[in-house]
C-alpha atoms as a PDB file:
ATOM      1  CA  MET A   1     102.925 105.072 114.330  1.00  0.00           C
ATOM      2  CA  ALA A   2     104.967 106.595 111.529  1.00  0.00           C
ATOM      3  CA  TYR A   3     106.553 109.097 113.914  1.00  0.00           C
ATOM      4  CA  ASP A   4     107.277 106.314 116.415  1.00  0.00           C
ATOM      5  CA  ARG A   5     108.982 104.264 113.694  1.00  0.00           C
ATOM      6  CA  TYR A   6     110.873 107.352 112.532  1.00  0.00           C
ATOM      7  CA  ILE A   7     112.247 108.025 116.016  1.00  0.00           C
ATOM      8  CA  ALA A   8     113.016 104.331 116.645  1.00  0.00           C
ATOM      9  CA  ILE A   9     115.018 103.998 113.427  1.00  0.00           C
ATOM     10  CA  CYS A  10     116.402 107.462 112.701  1.00  0.00           C
ATOM     11  CA  ARG A  11     117.134 108.616 116.252  1.00  0.00           C
ATOM     12  CA  PRO A  12     117.285 105.480 118.404  1.00  0.00           C
ATOM     13  CA  LEU A  13     119.520 106.955 121.105  1.00  0.00           C
ATOM     14  CA  HIS A  14     117.033 109.777 121.674  1.00  0.00           C
ATOM     15  CA  TYR A  15     113.938 107.548 121.640  1.00  0.00           C
ATOM     16  CA  GLU A  16     113.215 107.711 125.378  1.00  0.00           C
ATOM     17  CA  THR A  17     113.597 111.492 125.405  1.00  0.00           C
ATOM     18  CA  LEU A  18     111.586 112.214 122.255  1.00  0.00           C
ATOM     19  CA  MET A  19     108.832 109.647 122.831  1.00  0.00           C
ATOM     20  CA  GLY A  20     108.220 110.503 126.462  1.00  0.00           C
ATOM     21  CA  GLU A  21     104.866 110.922 128.122  1.00  0.00           C
ATOM     22  CA  ARG A  22     104.474 114.511 126.942  1.00  0.00           C
ATOM     23  CA  ALA A  23     104.973 113.586 123.260  1.00  0.00           C
ATOM     24  CA  CYS A  24     102.527 110.694 123.540  1.00  0.00           C
ATOM     25  CA  VAL A  25      99.902 112.941 125.145  1.00  0.00           C
ATOM     26  CA  LYS A  26     100.354 115.536 122.389  1.00  0.00           C
ATOM     27  CA  MET A  27     100.026 112.917 119.645  1.00  0.00           C
ATOM     28  CA  ALA A  28      96.966 111.374 121.273  1.00  0.00           C
ATOM     29  CA  ALA A  29      95.393 114.822 121.685  1.00  0.00           C
ATOM     30  CA  ALA A  30      96.065 115.645 118.034  1.00  0.00           C
ATOM     31  CA  ALA A  31      94.533 112.336 116.929  1.00  0.00           C
ATOM     32  CA  TRP A  32      91.469 112.868 119.124  1.00  0.00           C
ATOM     33  CA  ALA A  33      91.059 116.492 118.017  1.00  0.00           C
ATOM     34  CA  SER A  34      91.290 115.651 114.322  1.00  0.00           C
ATOM     35  CA  GLY A  35      88.927 112.692 114.788  1.00  0.00           C
ATOM     36  CA  PHE A  36      86.491 114.915 116.704  1.00  0.00           C
ATOM     37  CA  LEU A  37      86.640 117.578 113.972  1.00  0.00           C
ATOM     38  CA  ASN A  38      86.184 114.940 111.297  1.00  0.00           C
ATOM     39  CA  ALA A  39      83.082 113.680 113.132  1.00  0.00           C
ATOM     40  CA  VAL A  40      81.504 116.980 114.222  1.00  0.00           C
ATOM     41  CA  VAL A  41      81.476 118.745 110.836  1.00  0.00           C
ATOM     42  CA  PRO A  42      79.612 115.973 108.969  1.00  0.00           C
ATOM     43  CA  THR A  43      77.269 115.332 111.899  1.00  0.00           C
ATOM     44  CA  ALA A  44      76.360 119.017 112.146  1.00  0.00           C
ATOM     45  CA  ASN A  45      75.658 119.016 108.414  1.00  0.00           C
ATOM     46  CA  VAL A  46      73.418 115.980 108.671  1.00  0.00           C
ATOM     47  CA  PHE A  47      71.383 117.522 111.488  1.00  0.00           C
ATOM     48  CA  SER A  48      70.746 120.630 109.416  1.00  0.00           C
ATOM     49  CA  VAL A  49      69.212 118.930 106.350  1.00  0.00           C
ATOM     50  CA  THR A  50      65.699 117.660 105.777  1.00  0.00           C
ATOM     51  CA  PHE A  51      65.006 114.137 104.579  1.00  0.00           C
ATOM     52  CA  CYS A  52      62.236 113.024 102.243  1.00  0.00           C
ATOM     53  CA  GLN A  53      63.583 110.037 100.318  1.00  0.00           C
ATOM     54  CA  GLY A  54      62.977 107.310 102.890  1.00  0.00           C
ATOM     55  CA  ASN A  55      65.264 105.983 105.549  1.00  0.00           C
ATOM     56  CA  VAL A  56      66.998 103.023 103.894  1.00  0.00           C
ATOM     57  CA  LEU A  57      70.751 103.371 103.504  1.00  0.00           C
ATOM     58  CA  GLY A  58      72.866 101.414 101.063  1.00  0.00           C
ATOM     59  CA  GLN A  59      75.329 100.619 103.871  1.00  0.00           C
ATOM     60  CA  PHE A  60      75.302  98.662 107.090  1.00  0.00           C
ATOM     61  CA  PHE A  61      76.520 101.731 108.993  1.00  0.00           C
ATOM     62  CA  CYS A  62      75.787 105.417 108.517  1.00  0.00           C
ATOM     63  CA  GLU A  63      78.194 107.091 106.162  1.00  0.00           C
ATOM     64  CA  ILE A  64      77.693 110.757 105.434  1.00  0.00           C
ATOM     65  CA  PRO A  65      77.535 110.475 101.601  1.00  0.00           C
ATOM     66  CA  GLN A  66      74.859 107.794 101.906  1.00  0.00           C
ATOM     67  CA  ILE A  67      72.853 109.896 104.367  1.00  0.00           C
ATOM     68  CA  LEU A  68      73.122 113.015 102.195  1.00  0.00           C
ATOM     69  CA  LYS A  69      71.700 111.050  99.242  1.00  0.00           C
ATOM     70  CA  LEU A  70      68.430 110.829 101.212  1.00  0.00           C
ATOM     71  CA  SER A  71      68.234 114.607 101.627  1.00  0.00           C
ATOM     72  CA  CYS A  72      65.571 116.741  99.945  1.00  0.00           C
ATOM     73  CA  SER A  73      67.554 119.937 100.171  1.00  0.00           C
ATOM     74  CA  ASP A  74      70.415 120.880  97.912  1.00  0.00           C
ATOM     75  CA  SER A  75      73.376 119.291  99.638  1.00  0.00           C
ATOM     76  CA  TYR A  76      76.117 120.149  97.149  1.00  0.00           C
ATOM     77  CA  LEU A  77      77.729 122.864  99.306  1.00  0.00           C
ATOM     78  CA  ARG A  78      77.370 120.677 102.401  1.00  0.00           C
ATOM     79  CA  GLU A  79      79.086 117.782 100.650  1.00  0.00           C
ATOM     80  CA  VAL A  80      81.881 120.046  99.440  1.00  0.00           C
ATOM     81  CA  GLY A  81      82.393 121.356 102.989  1.00  0.00           C
ATOM     82  CA  VAL A  82      82.432 117.873 104.509  1.00  0.00           C
ATOM     83  CA  ILE A  83      84.763 116.581 101.823  1.00  0.00           C
ATOM     84  CA  GLY A  84      87.009 119.646 102.202  1.00  0.00           C
ATOM     85  CA  VAL A  85      87.437 119.193 105.966  1.00  0.00           C
ATOM     86  CA  SER A  86      87.914 115.438 105.695  1.00  0.00           C
ATOM     87  CA  LEU A  87      90.265 115.706 102.743  1.00  0.00           C
ATOM     88  CA  SER A  88      92.445 118.325 104.444  1.00  0.00           C
ATOM     89  CA  LEU A  89      92.803 116.087 107.513  1.00  0.00           C
ATOM     90  CA  VAL A  90      93.510 112.994 105.424  1.00  0.00           C
ATOM     91  CA  VAL A  91      95.983 114.745 103.120  1.00  0.00           C
ATOM     92  CA  GLY A  92      97.757 116.292 106.117  1.00  0.00           C
ATOM     93  CA  CYS A  93      98.139 112.893 107.784  1.00  0.00           C
ATOM     94  CA  PHE A  94      99.187 111.294 104.509  1.00  0.00           C
ATOM     95  CA  ILE A  95     101.882 113.912 103.896  1.00  0.00           C
ATOM     96  CA  LEU A  96     103.286 113.472 107.415  1.00  0.00           C
ATOM     97  CA  ILE A  97     103.331 109.675 106.997  1.00  0.00           C
ATOM     98  CA  VAL A  98     105.033 109.882 103.600  1.00  0.00           C
ATOM     99  CA  LEU A  99     107.655 112.334 104.885  1.00  0.00           C
ATOM    100  CA  SER A 100     108.346 110.084 107.884  1.00  0.00           C
ATOM    101  CA  TYR A 101     108.810 107.037 105.686  1.00  0.00           C
ATOM    102  CA  VAL A 102     111.007 108.863 103.183  1.00  0.00           C
ATOM    103  CA  GLN A 103     113.320 109.797 106.048  1.00  0.00           C
ATOM    104  CA  ILE A 104     113.128 106.270 107.492  1.00  0.00           C
ATOM    105  CA  PHE A 105     114.004 104.627 104.172  1.00  0.00           C
ATOM    106  CA  THR A 106     116.839 107.101 103.619  1.00  0.00           C
ATOM    107  CA  VAL A 107     118.353 106.152 106.983  1.00  0.00           C
ATOM    108  CA  VAL A 108     117.690 102.410 106.536  1.00  0.00           C
ATOM    109  CA  LEU A 109     119.387 102.330 103.151  1.00  0.00           C
ATOM    110  CA  ARG A 110     122.509 103.845 104.774  1.00  0.00           C
ATOM    111  CA  ILE A 111     122.745 100.982 107.302  1.00  0.00           C
ATOM    112  CA  PRO A 112     125.863  99.026 106.286  1.00  0.00           C
ATOM    113  CA  SER A 113     124.717  95.546 107.285  1.00  0.00           C
ATOM    114  CA  GLU A 114     122.056  93.706 105.327  1.00  0.00           C
ATOM    115  CA  GLN A 115     120.718  92.179 108.544  1.00  0.00           C
ATOM    116  CA  GLY A 116     120.262  95.657 110.052  1.00  0.00           C
ATOM    117  CA  GLN A 117     118.411  96.816 106.960  1.00  0.00           C
ATOM    118  CA  ARG A 118     116.180  93.740 107.044  1.00  0.00           C
ATOM    119  CA  LYS A 119     115.354  94.289 110.722  1.00  0.00           C
ATOM    120  CA  ALA A 120     114.542  97.975 110.154  1.00  0.00           C
ATOM    121  CA  PHE A 121     112.369  97.190 107.137  1.00  0.00           C
ATOM    122  CA  SER A 122     110.549  94.460 109.068  1.00  0.00           C
ATOM    123  CA  MET A 123     109.563  97.098 111.634  1.00  0.00           C
ATOM    124  CA  CYS A 124     108.193  99.487 109.010  1.00  0.00           C
ATOM    125  CA  LEU A 125     106.710  97.446 106.194  1.00  0.00           C
ATOM    126  CA  PRO A 126     103.743  95.967 108.104  1.00  0.00           C
ATOM    127  CA  HIS A 127     102.644  99.433 109.218  1.00  0.00           C
ATOM    128  CA  LEU A 128     103.188 100.815 105.731  1.00  0.00           C
ATOM    129  CA  PHE A 129     101.121  97.955 104.262  1.00  0.00           C
ATOM    130  CA  VAL A 130      98.193  98.622 106.603  1.00  0.00           C
ATOM    131  CA  VAL A 131      98.315 102.391 106.014  1.00  0.00           C
ATOM    132  CA  SER A 132      98.494 101.865 102.241  1.00  0.00           C
ATOM    133  CA  MET A 133      95.523  99.507 102.354  1.00  0.00           C
ATOM    134  CA  PHE A 134      93.494 102.011 104.356  1.00  0.00           C
ATOM    135  CA  PHE A 135      94.304 104.990 102.142  1.00  0.00           C
ATOM    136  CA  SER A 136      93.881 103.152  98.827  1.00  0.00           C
ATOM    137  CA  THR A 137      90.516 101.595  99.693  1.00  0.00           C
ATOM    138  CA  ALA A 138      89.189 104.795 101.313  1.00  0.00           C
ATOM    139  CA  VAL A 139      90.258 106.920  98.348  1.00  0.00           C
ATOM    140  CA  PHE A 140      88.713 104.435  95.919  1.00  0.00           C
ATOM    141  CA  ALA A 141      85.491 104.243  97.970  1.00  0.00           C
ATOM    142  CA  TYR A 142      84.981 107.993  98.000  1.00  0.00           C
ATOM    143  CA  LEU A 143      86.468 109.020  94.657  1.00  0.00           C
ATOM    144  CA  LYS A 144      85.271 106.178  92.447  1.00  0.00           C
ATOM    145  CA  PRO A 145      83.080 107.102  89.473  1.00  0.00           C
ATOM    146  CA  LEU A 146      79.349 106.834  90.129  1.00  0.00           C
ATOM    147  CA  SER A 147      79.064 104.493  87.128  1.00  0.00           C
ATOM    148  CA  ILE A 148      80.791 101.672  89.033  1.00  0.00           C
ATOM    149  CA  SER A 149      78.888 102.225  92.268  1.00  0.00           C
ATOM    150  CA  SER A 150      76.755  99.241  93.222  1.00  0.00           C
ATOM    151  CA  PRO A 151      74.839  98.032  96.290  1.00  0.00           C
ATOM    152  CA  GLY A 152      77.379  95.227  96.789  1.00  0.00           C
ATOM    153  CA  LEU A 153      80.568  97.176  96.128  1.00  0.00           C
ATOM    154  CA  ASP A 154      79.975 100.100  98.495  1.00  0.00           C
ATOM    155  CA  PRO A 155      79.571  98.007 101.687  1.00  0.00           C
ATOM    156  CA  ALA A 156      82.519  95.806 100.682  1.00  0.00           C
ATOM    157  CA  LEU A 157      84.747  98.863 100.302  1.00  0.00           C
ATOM    158  CA  ALA A 158      83.481 100.230 103.614  1.00  0.00           C
ATOM    159  CA  VAL A 159      84.552  96.995 105.317  1.00  0.00           C
ATOM    160  CA  LEU A 160      87.915  97.083 103.574  1.00  0.00           C
ATOM    161  CA  TYR A 161      88.842 100.526 104.846  1.00  0.00           C
ATOM    162  CA  SER A 162      87.104 100.534 108.241  1.00  0.00           C
ATOM    163  CA  VAL A 163      87.385  96.978 109.588  1.00  0.00           C
ATOM    164  CA  LEU A 164      90.258  95.260 107.804  1.00  0.00           C
ATOM    165  CA  PRO A 165      93.171  97.685 108.554  1.00  0.00           C
ATOM    166  CA  PRO A 166      92.652  97.734 112.354  1.00  0.00           C
ATOM    167  CA  THR A 167      92.225  93.961 112.360  1.00  0.00           C
ATOM    168  CA  LEU A 168      95.346  93.383 110.281  1.00  0.00           C
ATOM    169  CA  LYS A 169      97.319  95.878 112.341  1.00  0.00           C
ATOM    170  CA  SER A 170      96.471  94.005 115.543  1.00  0.00           C
ATOM    171  CA  LEU A 171      97.284  90.676 113.916  1.00  0.00           C
ATOM    172  CA  ILE A 172     100.582  91.861 112.434  1.00  0.00           C
ATOM    173  CA  TYR A 173     101.850  93.426 115.637  1.00  0.00           C
ATOM    174  CA  SER A 174     100.728  90.527 117.803  1.00  0.00           C
ATOM    175  CA  MET A 175     102.640  88.113 115.559  1.00  0.00           C
ATOM    176  CA  ARG A 176     105.884  89.722 116.737  1.00  0.00           C
ATOM    177  CA  ASN A 177     105.211  88.183 120.105  1.00  0.00           C
ATOM    178  CA  LYS A 178     107.162  84.909 120.337  1.00  0.00           C
ATOM    179  CA  GLU A 179     104.486  83.303 122.535  1.00  0.00           C
ATOM    180  CA  ARG A 180     101.785  83.983 119.939  1.00  0.00           C
ATOM    181  CA  GLN A 181     104.007  82.671 117.157  1.00  0.00           C
ATOM    182  CA  GLY A 182     104.449  79.437 119.107  1.00  0.00           C
ATOM    183  CA  THR A 183     100.702  79.161 119.700  1.00  0.00           C
ATOM    184  CA  LEU A 184      99.998  79.722 116.006  1.00  0.00           C
ATOM    185  CA  LYS A 185     102.525  77.028 115.029  1.00  0.00           C
ATOM    186  CA  LYS A 186     100.890  74.574 117.456  1.00  0.00           C
ATOM    187  CA  LEU A 187      97.452  75.422 116.054  1.00  0.00           C
ATOM    188  CA  ILE A 188      98.618  74.858 112.479  1.00  0.00           C
ATOM    189  CA  GLN A 189     100.237  71.552 113.456  1.00  0.00           C
ATOM    190  CA  LEU A 190      97.014  70.480 115.182  1.00  0.00           C
ATOM    191  CA  VAL A 191      94.952  71.322 112.091  1.00  0.00           C
ATOM    192  CA  VAL A 192      97.373  69.451 109.825  1.00  0.00           C
ATOM    193  CA  VAL A 193      97.304  66.376 112.110  1.00  0.00           C
ATOM    194  CA  GLN A 194      93.495  66.383 112.211  1.00  0.00           C
ATOM    195  CA  GLN A 195      93.253  66.581 108.417  1.00  0.00           C
ATOM    196  CA  GLN A 196      95.451  63.495 108.005  1.00  0.00           C
END
């Protein structure tokens, strides 16, 4: 998304050429490959440990740190390996996103008209908000001190970084559709009328 916004704002006349089918296939393949790598390494680690501390997780879905807490074997090196692979993928993506947005904001601030700047920012800020929410909650969930870990906080953070960003992203981008905006206005008017 950041690259798409970068091309749309910084090189709009070349958009069709740069964002052709080949570029989309490459980006999708890179996303799938990094997602596959980020899933295979932790899964392989989990299959190679023995468990002796029960089978109750402190989450409503299986997260690797929670599963490794149930392990009998020393899982320090495994955790470091999993965190290293995941962190390198996350930091790589984060750096690319930040570089894209630095270039986008540099170009947007050079746009002479205020209306043009507003339109360009309105394309970027929703995506930047969702990405920031994902990264901040995920970083907090995994790097928070153990002293503030609690059975209620961990699942709430998991929902914040795994469910909320995709939901908000869909909602934000669908609200650009004029038909959906009209439907939402009618729904709000209907609710207001029924409350009176």
